[in-house]
Amino acid sequence: MEFDLEQTVMELLINAGEARSNAMMAIQHARKKEWGQADAMLKASDDAARVAHKVQTQLIGLDEGVGKIPVNLIMVHSQDHLMTAMLCRELAEEIVLLRKEMFEKA
């Protein structure tokens, strides 16, 4: 099976975008005190980020640290998307927890 760089980078980009979207949806559910849905969206965000991270790890392995994988704008964009999605996920978890704490104290 031949490696398709464009397809692989798009898979990374799509899963990173899904991870970020799910994290943002978790925050929206928490605002409505829909804790089950918020937790489900955090889990979905984790799942998508895990897939994206697996693709990223595959690319790093193929590159072998010597520049075997060409770096282009879409590659950089997909890496940026993944990093912001991971940060968004971490912050979303904290926001959901803060909202739960605030609700319990009210």
N, C-alpha and C. Protein backbone atom coordinates (compact mmCIF):
# COMPACT_ATOMS: atom_id res chain seq x y z
N MET A 1 0.84 -1.19 0.00
CA MET A 1 0.00 0.00 0.00
C MET A 1 0.88 1.25 0.00
N GLU A 2 0.63 2.16 -0.90
CA GLU A 2 1.41 3.37 -1.03
C GLU A 2 0.89 4.43 -0.05
N PHE A 3 1.81 5.18 0.54
CA PHE A 3 1.48 6.24 1.48
C PHE A 3 0.97 7.45 0.72
N ASP A 4 -0.18 7.97 1.12
CA ASP A 4 -0.78 9.15 0.50
C ASP A 4 -0.69 10.32 1.48
N LEU A 5 0.31 11.17 1.28
CA LEU A 5 0.56 12.27 2.21
C LEU A 5 -0.63 13.22 2.30
N GLU A 6 -1.20 13.58 1.17
CA GLU A 6 -2.33 14.52 1.18
C GLU A 6 -3.51 13.95 1.97
N GLN A 7 -3.82 12.70 1.76
CA GLN A 7 -4.92 12.05 2.48
C GLN A 7 -4.62 12.00 3.98
N THR A 8 -3.39 11.70 4.33
CA THR A 8 -3.00 11.60 5.73
C THR A 8 -3.09 12.95 6.43
N VAL A 9 -2.61 13.99 5.77
CA VAL A 9 -2.67 15.34 6.35
C VAL A 9 -4.13 15.78 6.50
N MET A 10 -4.97 15.45 5.53
CA MET A 10 -6.39 15.81 5.63
C MET A 10 -7.05 15.07 6.80
N GLU A 11 -6.67 13.82 7.01
CA GLU A 11 -7.20 13.06 8.15
C GLU A 11 -6.81 13.73 9.47
N LEU A 12 -5.59 14.20 9.54
CA LEU A 12 -5.13 14.92 10.73
C LEU A 12 -5.95 16.19 10.92
N LEU A 13 -6.13 16.93 9.87
CA LEU A 13 -6.87 18.19 9.92
C LEU A 13 -8.33 17.98 10.32
N ILE A 14 -8.97 17.01 9.73
CA ILE A 14 -10.38 16.74 10.02
C ILE A 14 -10.57 16.31 11.47
N ASN A 15 -9.74 15.41 11.95
CA ASN A 15 -9.89 14.94 13.33
C ASN A 15 -9.53 16.02 14.34
N ALA A 16 -8.55 16.85 14.04
CA ALA A 16 -8.22 17.97 14.92
C ALA A 16 -9.40 18.94 14.99
N GLY A 17 -10.01 19.22 13.85
CA GLY A 17 -11.18 20.11 13.82
C GLY A 17 -12.34 19.53 14.60
N GLU A 18 -12.54 18.23 14.49
CA GLU A 18 -13.62 17.58 15.25
C GLU A 18 -13.34 17.66 16.75
N ALA A 19 -12.09 17.47 17.13
CA ALA A 19 -11.73 17.55 18.55
C ALA A 19 -12.04 18.94 19.10
N ARG A 20 -11.69 19.97 18.35
CA ARG A 20 -11.94 21.34 18.80
C ARG A 20 -13.44 21.63 18.86
N SER A 21 -14.17 21.23 17.84
CA SER A 21 -15.62 21.47 17.81
C SER A 21 -16.32 20.79 18.97
N ASN A 22 -15.94 19.56 19.25
CA ASN A 22 -16.56 18.82 20.36
C ASN A 22 -16.24 19.47 21.70
N ALA A 23 -15.03 19.99 21.85
CA ALA A 23 -14.66 20.68 23.09
C ALA A 23 -15.53 21.93 23.28
N MET A 24 -15.72 22.67 22.20
CA MET A 24 -16.56 23.86 22.29
C MET A 24 -18.02 23.51 22.59
N MET A 25 -18.48 22.40 22.03
CA MET A 25 -19.85 21.95 22.32
C MET A 25 -19.99 21.55 23.79
N ALA A 26 -18.93 20.99 24.37
CA ALA A 26 -18.96 20.64 25.79
C ALA A 26 -19.19 21.89 26.63
N ILE A 27 -18.54 22.98 26.28
CA ILE A 27 -18.72 24.24 27.00
C ILE A 27 -20.16 24.73 26.86
N GLN A 28 -20.72 24.64 25.66
CA GLN A 28 -22.10 25.06 25.44
C GLN A 28 -23.08 24.24 26.27
N HIS A 29 -22.86 22.93 26.34
CA HIS A 29 -23.73 22.08 27.16
C HIS A 29 -23.59 22.42 28.65
N ALA A 30 -22.36 22.70 29.07
CA ALA A 30 -22.15 23.05 30.48
C ALA A 30 -22.88 24.35 30.83
N ARG A 31 -22.91 25.29 29.90
CA ARG A 31 -23.62 26.55 30.14
C ARG A 31 -25.11 26.29 30.42
N LYS A 32 -25.65 25.24 29.78
CA LYS A 32 -27.05 24.88 29.94
C LYS A 32 -27.26 23.88 31.08
N LYS A 33 -26.17 23.57 31.81
CA LYS A 33 -26.19 22.60 32.90
C LYS A 33 -26.54 21.19 32.41
N GLU A 34 -26.17 20.89 31.20
CA GLU A 34 -26.37 19.57 30.60
C GLU A 34 -25.08 18.77 30.78
N TRP A 35 -24.87 18.31 32.01
CA TRP A 35 -23.59 17.72 32.40
C TRP A 35 -23.28 16.43 31.64
N GLY A 36 -24.26 15.60 31.42
CA GLY A 36 -24.04 14.36 30.69
C GLY A 36 -23.58 14.61 29.27
N GLN A 37 -24.24 15.55 28.61
CA GLN A 37 -23.86 15.89 27.25
C GLN A 37 -22.48 16.56 27.21
N ALA A 38 -22.20 17.39 28.20
CA ALA A 38 -20.89 18.04 28.26
C ALA A 38 -19.80 16.99 28.40
N ASP A 39 -20.00 16.03 29.29
CA ASP A 39 -19.02 14.96 29.46
C ASP A 39 -18.87 14.12 28.19
N ALA A 40 -19.98 13.87 27.52
CA ALA A 40 -19.94 13.08 26.28
C ALA A 40 -19.16 13.82 25.20
N MET A 41 -19.33 15.14 25.14
CA MET A 41 -18.59 15.93 24.15
C MET A 41 -17.10 15.98 24.48
N LEU A 42 -16.76 16.03 25.76
CA LEU A 42 -15.34 15.98 26.14
C LEU A 42 -14.74 14.64 25.74
N LYS A 43 -15.49 13.56 25.93
CA LYS A 43 -15.01 12.23 25.52
C LYS A 43 -14.85 12.17 24.01
N ALA A 44 -15.84 12.70 23.27
CA ALA A 44 -15.75 12.71 21.80
C ALA A 44 -14.55 13.54 21.35
N SER A 45 -14.28 14.64 22.05
CA SER A 45 -13.12 15.46 21.74
C SER A 45 -11.84 14.66 21.96
N ASP A 46 -11.78 13.95 23.07
CA ASP A 46 -10.61 13.09 23.34
C ASP A 46 -10.41 12.06 22.25
N ASP A 47 -11.50 11.42 21.85
CA ASP A 47 -11.42 10.37 20.83
C ASP A 47 -10.87 10.92 19.51
N ALA A 48 -11.40 12.06 19.08
CA ALA A 48 -10.94 12.67 17.83
C ALA A 48 -9.49 13.13 17.94
N ALA A 49 -9.12 13.69 19.08
CA ALA A 49 -7.74 14.14 19.29
C ALA A 49 -6.79 12.95 19.29
N ARG A 50 -7.24 11.84 19.84
CA ARG A 50 -6.40 10.63 19.87
C ARG A 50 -6.12 10.14 18.44
N VAL A 51 -7.14 10.16 17.60
CA VAL A 51 -6.96 9.76 16.20
C VAL A 51 -5.99 10.72 15.50
N ALA A 52 -6.20 12.01 15.71
CA ALA A 52 -5.33 13.02 15.09
C ALA A 52 -3.89 12.86 15.57
N HIS A 53 -3.72 12.61 16.85
CA HIS A 53 -2.38 12.46 17.41
C HIS A 53 -1.70 11.20 16.85
N LYS A 54 -2.48 10.17 16.63
CA LYS A 54 -1.94 8.94 16.04
C LYS A 54 -1.42 9.22 14.62
N VAL A 55 -2.18 10.00 13.86
CA VAL A 55 -1.76 10.36 12.51
C VAL A 55 -0.49 11.21 12.58
N GLN A 56 -0.46 12.16 13.51
CA GLN A 56 0.73 13.00 13.67
C GLN A 56 1.95 12.14 14.01
N THR A 57 1.78 11.18 14.89
CA THR A 57 2.87 10.29 15.27
C THR A 57 3.35 9.48 14.07
N GLN A 58 2.41 9.05 13.23
CA GLN A 58 2.75 8.32 12.00
C GLN A 58 3.61 9.20 11.09
N LEU A 59 3.22 10.45 10.93
CA LEU A 59 3.98 11.37 10.09
C LEU A 59 5.38 11.60 10.64
N ILE A 60 5.48 11.76 11.95
CA ILE A 60 6.79 11.97 12.58
C ILE A 60 7.67 10.74 12.35
N GLY A 61 7.09 9.56 12.49
CA GLY A 61 7.84 8.33 12.26
C GLY A 61 8.32 8.20 10.83
N LEU A 62 7.47 8.56 9.88
CA LEU A 62 7.85 8.49 8.47
C LEU A 62 8.95 9.49 8.13
N ASP A 63 8.91 10.63 8.79
CA ASP A 63 9.90 11.67 8.53
C ASP A 63 11.28 11.29 9.07
N GLU A 64 11.30 10.53 10.13
CA GLU A 64 12.54 10.08 10.79
C GLU A 64 13.45 11.24 11.20
N GLY A 65 12.87 12.41 11.38
CA GLY A 65 13.64 13.55 11.84
C GLY A 65 14.66 14.09 10.85
N VAL A 66 14.53 13.68 9.60
CA VAL A 66 15.53 14.11 8.61
C VAL A 66 14.90 14.81 7.41
N GLY A 67 13.64 15.18 7.51
CA GLY A 67 13.01 15.92 6.42
C GLY A 67 12.53 15.08 5.26
N LYS A 68 12.15 13.83 5.53
CA LYS A 68 11.63 12.98 4.45
C LYS A 68 10.22 13.38 4.02
N ILE A 69 9.47 13.99 4.94
CA ILE A 69 8.11 14.43 4.64
C ILE A 69 8.17 15.91 4.26
N PRO A 70 7.66 16.27 3.09
CA PRO A 70 7.70 17.68 2.68
C PRO A 70 6.78 18.53 3.57
N VAL A 71 7.26 19.68 3.95
CA VAL A 71 6.48 20.60 4.77
C VAL A 71 5.89 21.66 3.84
N ASN A 72 4.56 21.73 3.84
CA ASN A 72 3.87 22.73 3.04
C ASN A 72 2.84 23.44 3.92
N LEU A 73 2.13 24.36 3.37
CA LEU A 73 1.20 25.16 4.16
C LEU A 73 0.11 24.31 4.80
N ILE A 74 -0.42 23.34 4.10
CA ILE A 74 -1.49 22.51 4.67
C ILE A 74 -0.96 21.64 5.81
N MET A 75 0.30 21.21 5.71
CA MET A 75 0.92 20.44 6.79
C MET A 75 1.04 21.31 8.04
N VAL A 76 1.54 22.52 7.87
CA VAL A 76 1.69 23.44 9.00
C VAL A 76 0.31 23.77 9.59
N HIS A 77 -0.65 24.00 8.73
CA HIS A 77 -2.01 24.31 9.18
C HIS A 77 -2.59 23.15 9.99
N SER A 78 -2.40 21.93 9.54
CA SER A 78 -2.95 20.78 10.26
C SER A 78 -2.29 20.62 11.62
N GLN A 79 -0.99 20.86 11.70
CA GLN A 79 -0.29 20.77 12.99
C GLN A 79 -0.79 21.87 13.93
N ASP A 80 -0.98 23.06 13.41
CA ASP A 80 -1.51 24.17 14.21
C ASP A 80 -2.91 23.84 14.71
N HIS A 81 -3.72 23.28 13.84
CA HIS A 81 -5.08 22.89 14.19
C HIS A 81 -5.07 21.88 15.34
N LEU A 82 -4.19 20.91 15.27
CA LEU A 82 -4.12 19.90 16.32
C LEU A 82 -3.70 20.52 17.65
N MET A 83 -2.70 21.37 17.64
CA MET A 83 -2.23 21.97 18.89
C MET A 83 -3.31 22.85 19.52
N THR A 84 -4.01 23.64 18.71
CA THR A 84 -5.07 24.48 19.28
C THR A 84 -6.24 23.63 19.75
N ALA A 85 -6.51 22.54 19.07
CA ALA A 85 -7.59 21.64 19.51
C ALA A 85 -7.26 21.00 20.85
N MET A 86 -6.02 20.62 21.03
CA MET A 86 -5.62 20.01 22.30
C MET A 86 -5.71 21.03 23.45
N LEU A 87 -5.29 22.26 23.18
CA LEU A 87 -5.40 23.31 24.18
C LEU A 87 -6.87 23.61 24.48
N CYS A 88 -7.67 23.69 23.44
CA CYS A 88 -9.09 23.96 23.60
C CYS A 88 -9.74 22.87 24.45
N ARG A 89 -9.36 21.63 24.23
CA ARG A 89 -9.91 20.50 24.99
C ARG A 89 -9.57 20.63 26.47
N GLU A 90 -8.32 20.95 26.76
CA GLU A 90 -7.91 21.11 28.16
C GLU A 90 -8.67 22.25 28.84
N LEU A 91 -8.80 23.36 28.15
CA LEU A 91 -9.53 24.50 28.72
C LEU A 91 -11.01 24.19 28.87
N ALA A 92 -11.58 23.47 27.92
CA ALA A 92 -13.00 23.10 27.99
C ALA A 92 -13.27 22.24 29.22
N GLU A 93 -12.38 21.32 29.50
CA GLU A 93 -12.55 20.48 30.68
C GLU A 93 -12.57 21.33 31.96
N GLU A 94 -11.67 22.29 32.03
CA GLU A 94 -11.63 23.17 33.20
C GLU A 94 -12.89 24.02 33.29
N ILE A 95 -13.37 24.53 32.18
CA ILE A 95 -14.58 25.35 32.18
C ILE A 95 -15.79 24.53 32.62
N VAL A 96 -15.91 23.31 32.11
CA VAL A 96 -17.02 22.44 32.51
C VAL A 96 -16.95 22.18 34.01
N LEU A 97 -15.77 21.87 34.53
CA LEU A 97 -15.62 21.62 35.97
C LEU A 97 -15.97 22.85 36.79
N LEU A 98 -15.53 24.03 36.34
CA LEU A 98 -15.86 25.26 37.06
C LEU A 98 -17.36 25.51 37.08
N ARG A 99 -18.01 25.28 35.96
CA ARG A 99 -19.46 25.48 35.91
C ARG A 99 -20.18 24.50 36.85
N LYS A 100 -19.72 23.27 36.89
CA LYS A 100 -20.31 22.27 37.80
C LYS A 100 -20.15 22.73 39.25
N GLU A 101 -18.94 23.19 39.58
CA GLU A 101 -18.68 23.66 40.95
C GLU A 101 -19.57 24.85 41.29
N MET A 102 -19.70 25.79 40.37
CA MET A 102 -20.54 26.96 40.61
C MET A 102 -22.00 26.55 40.80
N PHE A 103 -22.47 25.62 39.99
CA PHE A 103 -23.85 25.17 40.09
C PHE A 103 -24.10 24.46 41.42
N GLU A 104 -23.14 23.65 41.86
CA GLU A 104 -23.31 22.92 43.11
C GLU A 104 -23.33 23.84 44.31
N LYS A 105 -22.63 24.98 44.22
CA LYS A 105 -22.56 25.92 45.33
C LYS A 105 -23.75 26.87 45.36
N ALA A 106 -24.46 26.97 44.26
CA ALA A 106 -25.58 27.92 44.16
C ALA A 106 -26.80 27.41 44.88
